Structures are given as C-alpha cells and as structure tokens.
C-alpha cells in the first residue's frame, strides 16, 4: 500500500497511511502539523527559520519560488487559526464532494497563488514601500473556500435559518467596510480577487446554471470543431436527465459522476429560471 491511494470510485476520499479521509481533512492535518512546527521552532529560538517560508517580493525575486505556497503554512496557535481549520474542514469537505479531489486541490492551490500574487503585485507595483511586511498564514483563502461552497449551495441553512449565501454577503461586507475604514487597500484588493475568483470559478464549472455567455461560447467552439450529426428521433427515453434520474433511483445519488452532478444542477437551475 502506498502513502496516498484512492479510497472510492469518485476519487473524493483517499487513504493516507491506512486511514481513509477527505482531501480537505488532509489539508487541515498538514496545516495543524505546520502550525505545531512553527510554534516549536519559535519556542526553541529558531523562529528566524520561518522567514524562508514567508512570502516577500524580494525573496521571490531571489528565486525563493516555494514561498508562493509555503507562506500559507506559517502560522502560530491562535483562536483565528482554529476557526480557519474548522471552516476548511466543514466547507472544504462539502466543496470537495462536488468538485472531486483533484479539482478541489487545484482550486485550493490557485486560491493560495491568487493571494500571494496579489501581495507581490501590491508591494512590487502599486506601493513603492521601503518596508514590505511578509505574507504568512491562510489569510482570505479559507474565505474563498466558503464563498465557493456558498456559490454551489446558496440556500443551505447553516444555523438559525440563515443561508450560506447570506452569510457570505455578510462576511464580505464586514471585511470590505473594515478595510475601507482603516484604508487597508492591500487586504481590500486581495479580498476582491479571492471572492471574485471563487464565485466565477464555480459558475464557469457549471454550478448554479453556469454563465450563459460562457455556455454559448463553449457550445459555439465545440460546434466549430465537430461535424454536424444527423438529428436523432427523440422519444424521451434517451434524455440525459432522465437517465441520471434513473441512475439515482437505482443506485442512489452517490453513484453519480462529477459530470452527471453538474448536468443535474444545470437542469435544475434552468427549470427554476423558467418558473420565475
């Protein structure tokens, strides 16, 4: 048995050292282990070693490319860190179930890159500051995971009947107003990039009906590359949605593939728009 192997057919869970877990749970374990290492290094007087993992523009220009990702794993024990881990575990698992593990890991890595590149852009182009604070910790990346979750499941009630969509708007409003009040333009720019990317990425992937313009562009591109086919007689028996519903009735919703889940979500969104 290898270190990491697939545990189920859909590639959501995996086996790590013999224990099945979700990819989001594995990320939480990595972050917690890194936090413990940071605390021990600092406690034994080796905290200066953490500078090799924090992100600064000057270090990046010197060839320290690993800092584009490793900055997120530099953290100290704190209540905000615990809240971040709870959010990553809870909403990350739900997001991973919809995306599949490979795409979830890719999305998470791009979130970290968007945040690091925003930091480099601000202090390398927009602000010519003599002192550049290093970037460390998850920052808004966990919020990006939650926004992506709220985009896919906007009407899920999290607590006291409050939906995920409403909580996402509340959090965005609080962060944005706080940054405006204290003229924290760096965080405001990063927040905007993270929130915009998380929302658009889920819609481009087809959740909540996707983007109409993107669907038309994709259909036109596929139509140019494929030869016209003879129209088939439609008796309703080969309707993809009917086939998906039959599969759910026979084997349960967990038997659906990632593509089938997206097709079912698009069909539901289209039906709701017609009713409205």
Protein backbone atom coordinates (compact mmCIF):
# COMPACT_ATOMS: atom_id res chain seq x y z
CA UNK A 1 0.00 0.00 0.00
CA UNK A 2 1.34 3.42 -0.96
CA UNK A 3 1.37 6.55 1.12
CA UNK A 4 -1.75 8.00 -0.58
CA UNK A 5 -4.28 5.99 -2.58
CA UNK A 6 -7.85 6.45 -3.84
CA UNK A 7 -10.48 5.14 -1.44
CA UNK A 8 -13.67 5.42 -3.50
CA UNK A 9 -14.66 5.37 -7.15
CA UNK A 10 -15.34 9.10 -7.42
CA UNK A 11 -11.87 9.98 -6.16
CA UNK A 12 -13.11 12.12 -3.27
CA UNK A 13 -11.68 10.28 -0.31
CA UNK A 14 -8.22 8.81 -0.13
CA UNK A 15 -6.22 6.51 2.13
CA UNK A 16 -3.33 8.15 3.99
CA UNK A 17 -1.17 5.71 5.94
CA UNK A 18 -4.09 3.30 6.06
CA UNK A 19 -6.72 5.85 7.17
CA UNK A 20 -9.49 6.93 4.75
CA UNK A 21 -10.09 10.68 4.76
CA UNK A 22 -11.19 13.56 2.56
CA UNK A 23 -8.64 15.77 0.88
CA UNK A 24 -9.88 18.74 2.93
CA UNK A 25 -9.21 16.78 6.13
CA UNK A 26 -5.72 16.01 4.87
CA UNK A 27 -5.11 19.74 4.31
CA UNK A 28 -6.27 20.51 7.85
CA UNK A 29 -3.81 17.93 9.20
CA UNK A 30 -0.98 19.49 7.17
CA UNK A 31 -1.80 22.99 8.40
CA UNK A 32 -2.02 21.85 12.02
CA UNK A 33 1.29 19.98 11.76
CA UNK A 34 2.93 23.04 10.22
CA UNK A 35 1.49 25.25 12.98
CA UNK A 36 2.94 22.94 15.65
CA UNK A 37 6.33 23.02 13.90
CA UNK A 38 6.24 26.83 13.75
CA UNK A 39 5.41 27.02 17.46
CA UNK A 40 8.23 24.62 18.38
CA UNK A 41 10.79 26.42 16.22
CA UNK A 42 9.82 29.75 17.79
CA UNK A 43 9.83 28.29 21.29
CA UNK A 44 13.36 26.89 20.87
CA UNK A 45 14.71 30.16 19.49
CA UNK A 46 14.72 29.14 15.81
CA UNK A 47 11.89 31.37 14.68
CA UNK A 48 14.12 33.11 12.16
CA UNK A 49 13.98 29.94 10.04
CA UNK A 50 10.34 30.73 9.27
CA UNK A 51 11.46 33.66 7.13
CA UNK A 52 12.44 31.17 4.42
CA UNK A 53 8.78 30.16 4.10
CA UNK A 54 7.04 33.54 4.46
CA UNK A 55 6.42 35.39 1.20
CA UNK A 56 8.23 38.61 0.33
CA UNK A 57 8.71 40.11 -3.10
CA UNK A 58 12.45 40.46 -2.63
CA UNK A 59 12.88 36.81 -1.65
CA UNK A 60 10.71 35.75 -4.58
CA UNK A 61 12.85 37.76 -6.97
CA UNK A 62 15.87 36.00 -5.46
CA UNK A 63 14.47 32.64 -6.55
CA UNK A 64 12.50 31.51 -3.48
CA UNK A 65 9.53 30.36 -5.59
CA UNK A 66 8.31 27.91 -2.94
CA UNK A 67 7.14 30.90 -0.87
CA UNK A 68 4.19 31.32 -3.25
CA UNK A 69 2.60 28.34 -1.45
CA UNK A 70 4.53 27.77 1.80
CA UNK A 71 3.50 31.12 3.30
CA UNK A 72 0.06 29.64 3.97
CA UNK A 73 1.58 27.03 6.30
CA UNK A 74 3.37 29.57 8.51
CA UNK A 75 1.04 30.12 11.47
CA UNK A 76 1.05 30.23 15.24
CA UNK A 77 -1.52 28.76 17.66
CA UNK A 78 -4.49 31.13 17.95
CA UNK A 79 -8.26 31.23 18.01
CA UNK A 80 -8.45 32.61 14.43
CA UNK A 81 -6.31 29.69 13.25
CA UNK A 82 -8.69 27.23 14.93
CA UNK A 83 -11.67 28.93 13.26
CA UNK A 84 -9.92 28.72 9.88
CA UNK A 85 -9.33 25.00 10.36
CA UNK A 86 -12.97 24.42 11.31
CA UNK A 87 -14.15 26.27 8.20
CA UNK A 88 -11.69 24.44 5.96
CA UNK A 89 -12.78 21.09 7.36
CA UNK A 90 -16.52 21.75 7.24
CA UNK A 91 -16.96 23.64 3.99
CA UNK A 92 -13.93 22.11 2.31
CA UNK A 93 -15.41 18.62 2.53
CA UNK A 94 -18.69 19.83 1.00
CA UNK A 95 -16.83 21.62 -1.77
CA UNK A 96 -14.60 18.61 -2.42
CA UNK A 97 -17.63 16.34 -2.70
CA UNK A 98 -18.96 18.49 -5.53
CA UNK A 99 -15.68 19.14 -7.34
CA UNK A 100 -13.83 15.88 -6.77
CA UNK A 101 -10.47 15.71 -5.02
CA UNK A 102 -8.18 16.66 -7.96
CA UNK A 103 -10.15 19.77 -8.84
CA UNK A 104 -10.55 20.70 -5.17
CA UNK A 105 -6.78 20.55 -4.63
CA UNK A 106 -6.25 22.57 -7.82
CA UNK A 107 -8.78 25.18 -6.73
CA UNK A 108 -7.16 25.44 -3.29
CA UNK A 109 -3.68 25.85 -4.78
CA UNK A 110 -4.92 28.58 -7.15
CA UNK A 111 -6.50 30.41 -4.19
CA UNK A 112 -3.11 30.47 -2.47
CA UNK A 113 -1.43 31.67 -5.66
CA UNK A 114 -4.01 34.43 -6.21
CA UNK A 115 -3.37 35.70 -2.69
CA UNK A 116 0.42 35.55 -3.00
CA UNK A 117 0.47 37.20 -6.43
CA UNK A 118 -1.82 39.94 -5.12
CA UNK A 119 0.71 40.62 -2.34
CA UNK A 120 3.60 40.71 -4.81
CA UNK A 121 1.66 42.99 -7.16
CA UNK A 122 0.75 45.47 -4.43
CA UNK A 123 4.25 45.79 -2.98
CA UNK A 124 6.05 45.45 -6.27
CA UNK A 125 3.98 47.75 -8.50
CA UNK A 126 1.31 49.72 -6.67
CA UNK A 127 3.18 50.55 -3.47
CA UNK A 128 6.85 51.51 -3.54
CA UNK A 129 7.36 50.92 0.18
CA UNK A 130 10.77 50.60 1.78
CA UNK A 131 9.36 48.09 4.26
CA UNK A 132 7.38 45.14 2.93
CA UNK A 133 5.54 43.07 5.56
CA UNK A 134 5.95 39.34 4.87
CA UNK A 135 2.86 37.37 3.94
CA UNK A 136 2.13 34.46 6.28
CA UNK A 137 -0.95 32.41 7.13
CA UNK A 138 -4.05 31.48 5.18
CA UNK A 139 -5.50 34.97 5.07
CA UNK A 140 -8.57 35.11 2.82
CA UNK A 141 -8.01 31.67 1.25
CA UNK A 142 -10.42 29.98 3.68
CA UNK A 143 -13.00 32.65 2.92
CA UNK A 144 -12.55 31.77 -0.75
CA UNK A 145 -13.38 28.14 0.06
CA UNK A 146 -16.54 29.25 1.85
CA UNK A 147 -17.60 31.56 -0.99
CA UNK A 148 -17.17 28.70 -3.45
CA UNK A 149 -19.30 26.49 -1.18
CA UNK A 150 -21.96 29.21 -0.88
CA UNK A 151 -21.99 29.59 -4.67
CA UNK A 152 -22.79 25.90 -5.12
CA UNK A 153 -25.18 25.64 -2.14
CA UNK A 154 -26.57 29.18 -1.70
CA UNK A 155 -29.80 28.12 0.03
CA UNK A 156 -28.29 25.72 2.56
CA UNK A 157 -29.25 26.83 6.09
CA UNK A 158 -26.17 26.82 8.31
CA UNK A 159 -27.63 27.99 11.63
CA UNK A 160 -30.73 29.81 12.89
CA UNK A 161 -32.23 29.56 9.40
CA UNK A 162 -29.51 31.78 7.89
CA UNK A 163 -28.44 30.61 4.44
CA UNK A 164 -24.88 30.22 3.21
CA UNK A 165 -25.41 32.95 0.60
CA UNK A 166 -26.48 35.48 3.20
CA UNK A 167 -23.55 34.67 5.48
CA UNK A 168 -21.16 35.06 2.54
CA UNK A 169 -22.54 38.54 1.81
CA UNK A 170 -22.34 39.49 5.49
CA UNK A 171 -18.70 38.39 5.76
CA UNK A 172 -17.75 40.19 2.56
CA UNK A 173 -19.48 43.35 3.76
CA UNK A 174 -17.76 43.28 7.15
CA UNK A 175 -14.30 42.71 5.69
CA UNK A 176 -14.76 45.34 2.97
CA UNK A 177 -16.08 48.02 5.33
CA UNK A 178 -13.29 47.32 7.81
CA UNK A 179 -10.64 47.66 5.09
CA UNK A 180 -12.23 50.89 3.85
CA UNK A 181 -12.42 52.33 7.36
CA UNK A 182 -8.71 51.74 8.02
CA UNK A 183 -7.58 52.41 4.42
CA UNK A 184 -6.26 48.86 4.16
CA UNK A 185 -6.14 48.80 0.38
CA UNK A 186 -3.91 45.73 0.22
CA UNK A 187 -6.41 43.49 2.02
CA UNK A 188 -9.32 45.03 0.10
CA UNK A 189 -7.68 44.17 -3.22
CA UNK A 190 -6.88 40.62 -2.09
CA UNK A 191 -10.41 40.16 -0.76
CA UNK A 192 -11.89 41.29 -4.08
CA UNK A 193 -9.65 38.96 -6.10
CA UNK A 194 -10.29 35.95 -3.88
CA UNK A 195 -14.06 36.48 -3.74
CA UNK A 196 -14.35 37.14 -7.46
CA UNK A 197 -12.24 34.17 -8.44
CA UNK A 198 -14.08 31.76 -6.11
CA UNK A 199 -17.51 32.79 -7.38
CA UNK A 200 -16.59 32.87 -11.07
CA UNK A 201 -14.70 29.57 -10.93
CA UNK A 202 -17.75 27.73 -9.62
CA UNK A 203 -20.06 29.32 -12.18
CA UNK A 204 -17.68 28.60 -15.06
CA UNK A 205 -17.62 24.95 -13.95
CA UNK A 206 -21.40 24.87 -14.44
CA UNK A 207 -22.75 25.17 -10.91
CA UNK A 208 -25.96 27.17 -10.39
CA UNK A 209 -26.57 27.16 -14.11
CA UNK A 210 -23.14 28.48 -15.00
CA UNK A 211 -22.69 31.62 -17.07
CA UNK A 212 -24.99 31.89 -20.08
CA UNK A 213 -22.34 33.67 -22.15
CA UNK A 214 -19.76 31.03 -21.26
CA UNK A 215 -22.14 28.22 -22.23
CA UNK A 216 -22.85 29.89 -25.58
CA UNK A 217 -19.13 30.39 -26.22
CA UNK A 218 -18.36 26.80 -25.29
CA UNK A 219 -21.18 25.48 -27.49
CA UNK A 220 -20.03 27.59 -30.43
CA UNK A 221 -16.44 26.37 -30.01
CA UNK A 222 -17.50 22.73 -29.83
CA UNK A 223 -19.81 23.24 -32.81
CA UNK A 224 -16.96 24.54 -34.96
CA UNK A 225 -14.73 21.61 -34.16
CA UNK A 226 -17.33 18.89 -34.59
CA UNK A 227 -19.04 17.83 -37.79
CA UNK A 228 -22.82 18.15 -37.96
CA UNK A 229 -24.62 14.99 -36.97
CA UNK A 230 -27.92 13.64 -38.19
CA UNK A 231 -30.79 14.57 -35.91
CA UNK A 232 -31.99 11.63 -33.89
CA UNK A 233 -35.55 10.82 -33.05
CA UNK A 234 -36.32 11.98 -29.55
CA UNK A 235 -38.80 9.78 -27.74
CA UNK A 236 -37.68 10.97 -24.31
CA UNK A 237 -36.09 7.66 -23.37
CA UNK A 238 -32.54 8.89 -24.10
CA UNK A 239 -32.88 12.24 -22.35
CA UNK A 240 -29.65 12.61 -20.27
CA UNK A 241 -31.57 13.98 -17.30
CA UNK A 242 -33.97 11.02 -17.37
CA UNK A 243 -31.01 8.65 -17.47
CA UNK A 244 -29.45 10.44 -14.49
CA UNK A 245 -32.71 10.25 -12.54
CA UNK A 246 -32.98 6.55 -13.35
CA UNK A 247 -29.45 6.06 -12.06
CA UNK A 248 -30.30 7.85 -8.81
CA UNK A 249 -33.39 5.68 -8.38
CA UNK A 250 -31.39 2.51 -8.96
CA UNK A 251 -28.09 3.19 -7.22
CA UNK A 252 -28.53 6.36 -5.14
CA UNK A 253 -27.23 9.91 -5.61
CA UNK A 254 -23.70 8.97 -4.52
CA UNK A 255 -23.35 6.86 -7.68
CA UNK A 256 -23.39 9.96 -9.92
CA UNK A 257 -20.20 11.04 -11.61
CA UNK A 258 -18.93 14.60 -11.40
CA UNK A 259 -20.23 15.43 -14.90
CA UNK A 260 -23.66 13.97 -14.12
CA UNK A 261 -23.92 16.08 -10.96
CA UNK A 262 -23.14 19.25 -12.90
CA UNK A 263 -25.66 18.34 -15.62
CA UNK A 264 -28.36 17.76 -12.99
CA UNK A 265 -27.52 21.06 -11.31
CA UNK A 266 -27.75 22.96 -14.63
CA UNK A 267 -31.09 21.36 -15.43
CA UNK A 268 -32.47 22.32 -12.03
CA UNK A 269 -31.28 25.91 -12.35
CA UNK A 270 -32.80 26.19 -15.84
CA UNK A 271 -36.12 24.88 -14.57
CA UNK A 272 -36.14 27.37 -11.68
CA UNK A 273 -35.48 30.26 -14.08
CA UNK A 274 -38.41 29.18 -16.28
CA UNK A 275 -40.74 29.04 -13.25
CA UNK A 276 -39.66 32.51 -12.13
